[in-house]
C-alpha atoms as a PDB file:
ATOM      1  CA  MET A   1      -1.272  -7.450  16.027  1.00  0.00           C
ATOM      2  CA  SER A   2      -0.032  -6.820  12.498  1.00  0.00           C
ATOM      3  CA  SER A   3       0.224  -3.361  11.111  1.00  0.00           C
ATOM      4  CA  ALA A   4       1.407  -1.836   7.861  1.00  0.00           C
ATOM      5  CA  ALA A   5       5.166  -2.150   7.370  1.00  0.00           C
ATOM      6  CA  ASP A   6       7.351   0.866   6.614  1.00  0.00           C
ATOM      7  CA  LEU A   7       8.833   0.493   3.146  1.00  0.00           C
ATOM      8  CA  THR A   8      12.024   2.244   2.057  1.00  0.00           C
ATOM      9  CA  ALA A   9      14.392   2.129  -0.900  1.00  0.00           C
ATOM     10  CA  GLY A  10      16.213  -0.646   0.971  1.00  0.00           C
ATOM     11  CA  ASN A  11      13.285  -3.067   1.257  1.00  0.00           C
ATOM     12  CA  PHE A  12      10.653  -1.935  -1.262  1.00  0.00           C
ATOM     13  CA  GLN A  13      11.566  -4.118  -4.249  1.00  0.00           C
ATOM     14  CA  SER A  14      12.143  -7.276  -2.206  1.00  0.00           C
ATOM     15  CA  THR A  15       8.803  -6.733  -0.466  1.00  0.00           C
ATOM     16  CA  ILE A  16       6.729  -6.386  -3.654  1.00  0.00           C
ATOM     17  CA  ASP A  17       8.590  -9.038  -5.703  1.00  0.00           C
ATOM     18  CA  SER A  18       6.505 -12.023  -4.644  1.00  0.00           C
ATOM     19  CA  GLY A  19       2.914 -12.489  -3.578  1.00  0.00           C
ATOM     20  CA  LEU A  20       0.402  -9.702  -3.010  1.00  0.00           C
ATOM     21  CA  THR A  21       1.479  -6.375  -1.560  1.00  0.00           C
ATOM     22  CA  LEU A  22      -0.754  -3.359  -0.935  1.00  0.00           C
ATOM     23  CA  VAL A  23       1.385  -0.221  -0.741  1.00  0.00           C
ATOM     24  CA  ASP A  24       0.122   3.088   0.628  1.00  0.00           C
ATOM     25  CA  PHE A  25       1.966   6.202  -0.560  1.00  0.00           C
ATOM     26  CA  TRP A  26       1.392   8.787   2.165  1.00  0.00           C
ATOM     27  CA  ALA A  27       2.806  11.742   4.112  1.00  0.00           C
ATOM     28  CA  GLU A  28       2.531  12.730   7.759  1.00  0.00           C
ATOM     29  CA  TRP A  29       0.991  16.131   6.943  1.00  0.00           C
ATOM     30  CA  CYS A  30      -1.756  14.609   4.739  1.00  0.00           C
ATOM     31  CA  GLY A  31      -5.154  14.457   6.467  1.00  0.00           C
ATOM     32  CA  PRO A  32      -6.724  11.905   4.072  1.00  0.00           C
ATOM     33  CA  CYS A  33      -3.589   9.750   4.505  1.00  0.00           C
ATOM     34  CA  ARG A  34      -4.140   9.719   8.262  1.00  0.00           C
ATOM     35  CA  MET A  35      -7.730   8.587   7.607  1.00  0.00           C
ATOM     36  CA  MET A  36      -6.383   5.569   5.676  1.00  0.00           C
ATOM     37  CA  SER A  37      -3.946   4.465   8.384  1.00  0.00           C
ATOM     38  CA  PRO A  38      -6.408   2.542  10.622  1.00  0.00           C
ATOM     39  CA  ILE A  39      -8.000   0.933   7.550  1.00  0.00           C
ATOM     40  CA  LEU A  40      -4.605  -0.334   6.397  1.00  0.00           C
ATOM     41  CA  ASP A  41      -3.743  -1.632   9.856  1.00  0.00           C
ATOM     42  CA  GLU A  42      -7.056  -3.550   9.933  1.00  0.00           C
ATOM     43  CA  LEU A  43      -6.375  -5.020   6.487  1.00  0.00           C
ATOM     44  CA  ALA A  44      -2.864  -6.044   7.535  1.00  0.00           C
ATOM     45  CA  GLN A  45      -4.315  -7.849  10.538  1.00  0.00           C
ATOM     46  CA  GLU A  46      -7.174  -9.502   8.622  1.00  0.00           C
ATOM     47  CA  CYS A  47      -5.118 -10.608   5.616  1.00  0.00           C
ATOM     48  CA  GLY A  48      -2.463 -12.264   7.754  1.00  0.00           C
ATOM     49  CA  ASP A  49       0.492 -13.851   5.995  1.00  0.00           C
ATOM     50  CA  GLY A  50      -1.189 -13.996   2.585  1.00  0.00           C
ATOM     51  CA  VAL A  51      -0.856 -10.288   1.853  1.00  0.00           C
ATOM     52  CA  THR A  52       1.752  -7.722   2.829  1.00  0.00           C
ATOM     53  CA  VAL A  53       0.519  -4.213   3.618  1.00  0.00           C
ATOM     54  CA  GLY A  54       3.169  -1.518   3.472  1.00  0.00           C
ATOM     55  CA  LYS A  55       3.516   2.252   3.603  1.00  0.00           C
ATOM     56  CA  VAL A  56       5.874   4.533   1.717  1.00  0.00           C
ATOM     57  CA  ASN A  57       6.395   8.008   3.177  1.00  0.00           C
ATOM     58  CA  VAL A  58       6.673  10.142   0.017  1.00  0.00           C
ATOM     59  CA  ASP A  59       8.599  12.860   1.849  1.00  0.00           C
ATOM     60  CA  ASN A  60      11.366  10.373   2.699  1.00  0.00           C
ATOM     61  CA  GLU A  61      11.182   8.139  -0.391  1.00  0.00           C
ATOM     62  CA  MET A  62      10.569  10.507  -3.296  1.00  0.00           C
ATOM     63  CA  ASP A  63      12.370   8.231  -5.787  1.00  0.00           C
ATOM     64  CA  ILE A  64       9.923   5.366  -5.213  1.00  0.00           C
ATOM     65  CA  ALA A  65       6.924   7.675  -5.554  1.00  0.00           C
ATOM     66  CA  GLN A  66       8.372   9.134  -8.752  1.00  0.00           C
ATOM     67  CA  LYS A  67       9.104   5.690 -10.222  1.00  0.00           C
ATOM     68  CA  TYR A  68       5.434   4.709  -9.858  1.00  0.00           C
ATOM     69  CA  GLY A  69       4.006   8.054 -10.995  1.00  0.00           C
ATOM     70  CA  VAL A  70       2.470   8.959  -7.649  1.00  0.00           C
ATOM     71  CA  SER A  71       1.421  12.588  -7.954  1.00  0.00           C
ATOM     72  CA  SER A  72      -1.294  12.822  -5.304  1.00  0.00           C
ATOM     73  CA  ILE A  73      -1.696  11.135  -1.967  1.00  0.00           C
ATOM     74  CA  PRO A  74      -2.958   8.920  -0.617  1.00  0.00           C
ATOM     75  CA  THR A  75      -2.296   6.593  -3.540  1.00  0.00           C
ATOM     76  CA  LEU A  76      -2.495   2.854  -2.960  1.00  0.00           C
ATOM     77  CA  LEU A  77      -0.954   0.343  -5.343  1.00  0.00           C
ATOM     78  CA  LEU A  78      -1.711  -3.357  -5.255  1.00  0.00           C
ATOM     79  CA  PHE A  79       1.218  -5.401  -6.554  1.00  0.00           C
ATOM     80  CA  LYS A  80       1.066  -9.044  -7.590  1.00  0.00           C
ATOM     81  CA  ASP A  81       4.497 -10.663  -7.913  1.00  0.00           C
ATOM     82  CA  GLY A  82       6.132  -7.279  -8.489  1.00  0.00           C
ATOM     83  CA  ALA A  83       3.690  -5.985 -11.118  1.00  0.00           C
ATOM     84  CA  GLU A  84       1.091  -3.304 -10.430  1.00  0.00           C
ATOM     85  CA  ALA A  85      -2.329  -4.968 -10.466  1.00  0.00           C
ATOM     86  CA  LYS A  86      -4.545  -2.077  -9.327  1.00  0.00           C
ATOM     87  CA  ARG A  87      -4.271   1.581  -8.314  1.00  0.00           C
ATOM     88  CA  PHE A  88      -6.442   3.611  -5.940  1.00  0.00           C
ATOM     89  CA  VAL A  89      -6.176   7.375  -5.531  1.00  0.00           C
ATOM     90  CA  GLY A  90      -7.706   9.146  -2.542  1.00  0.00           C
ATOM     91  CA  VAL A  91      -9.434   7.763   0.520  1.00  0.00           C
ATOM     92  CA  THR A  92     -10.588   4.273  -0.408  1.00  0.00           C
ATOM     93  CA  PRO A  93     -13.154   2.251   1.562  1.00  0.00           C
ATOM     94  CA  LYS A  94     -11.872  -0.889   3.255  1.00  0.00           C
ATOM     95  CA  ALA A  95     -14.452  -3.023   1.406  1.00  0.00           C
ATOM     96  CA  GLU A  96     -13.143  -1.842  -1.961  1.00  0.00           C
ATOM     97  CA  LEU A  97      -9.560  -2.694  -1.007  1.00  0.00           C
ATOM     98  CA  SER A  98     -10.610  -6.103   0.369  1.00  0.00           C
ATOM     99  CA  THR A  99     -12.449  -6.909  -2.860  1.00  0.00           C
ATOM    100  CA  ALA A 100      -9.421  -5.971  -4.975  1.00  0.00           C
ATOM    101  CA  ILE A 101      -7.171  -8.152  -2.797  1.00  0.00           C
ATOM    102  CA  GLN A 102      -9.563 -11.118  -3.066  1.00  0.00           C
ATOM    103  CA  GLU A 103      -9.815 -10.711  -6.852  1.00  0.00           C
ATOM    104  CA  ALA A 104      -6.017 -10.594  -7.187  1.00  0.00           C
ATOM    105  CA  GLN A 105      -5.686 -13.733  -5.062  1.00  0.00           C
ATOM    106  CA  GLY A 106      -8.240 -15.638  -7.153  1.00  0.00           C
END
């Protein structure tokens, strides 16, 4: 069973550089972030190898969050070959994320 990968300063850039990557900026103390966790795990499982789903803990990786202008969480960024393709702020329905992934793939 696939689940969202933990992204850090050490693996973030190499993870987003090629293909599609959905990145969740979150924190352990954030209730809405915890609501997103099962949705992201489901997406990771359903998308398989075609899309990487990752999570950045903003408490541990403040530099990454700052670089991408993340000021509220949860924020989800969809990257295509290293470039930001779409941004979601707040709890986002799974269907909306799936649609954005499909559009980016097409």
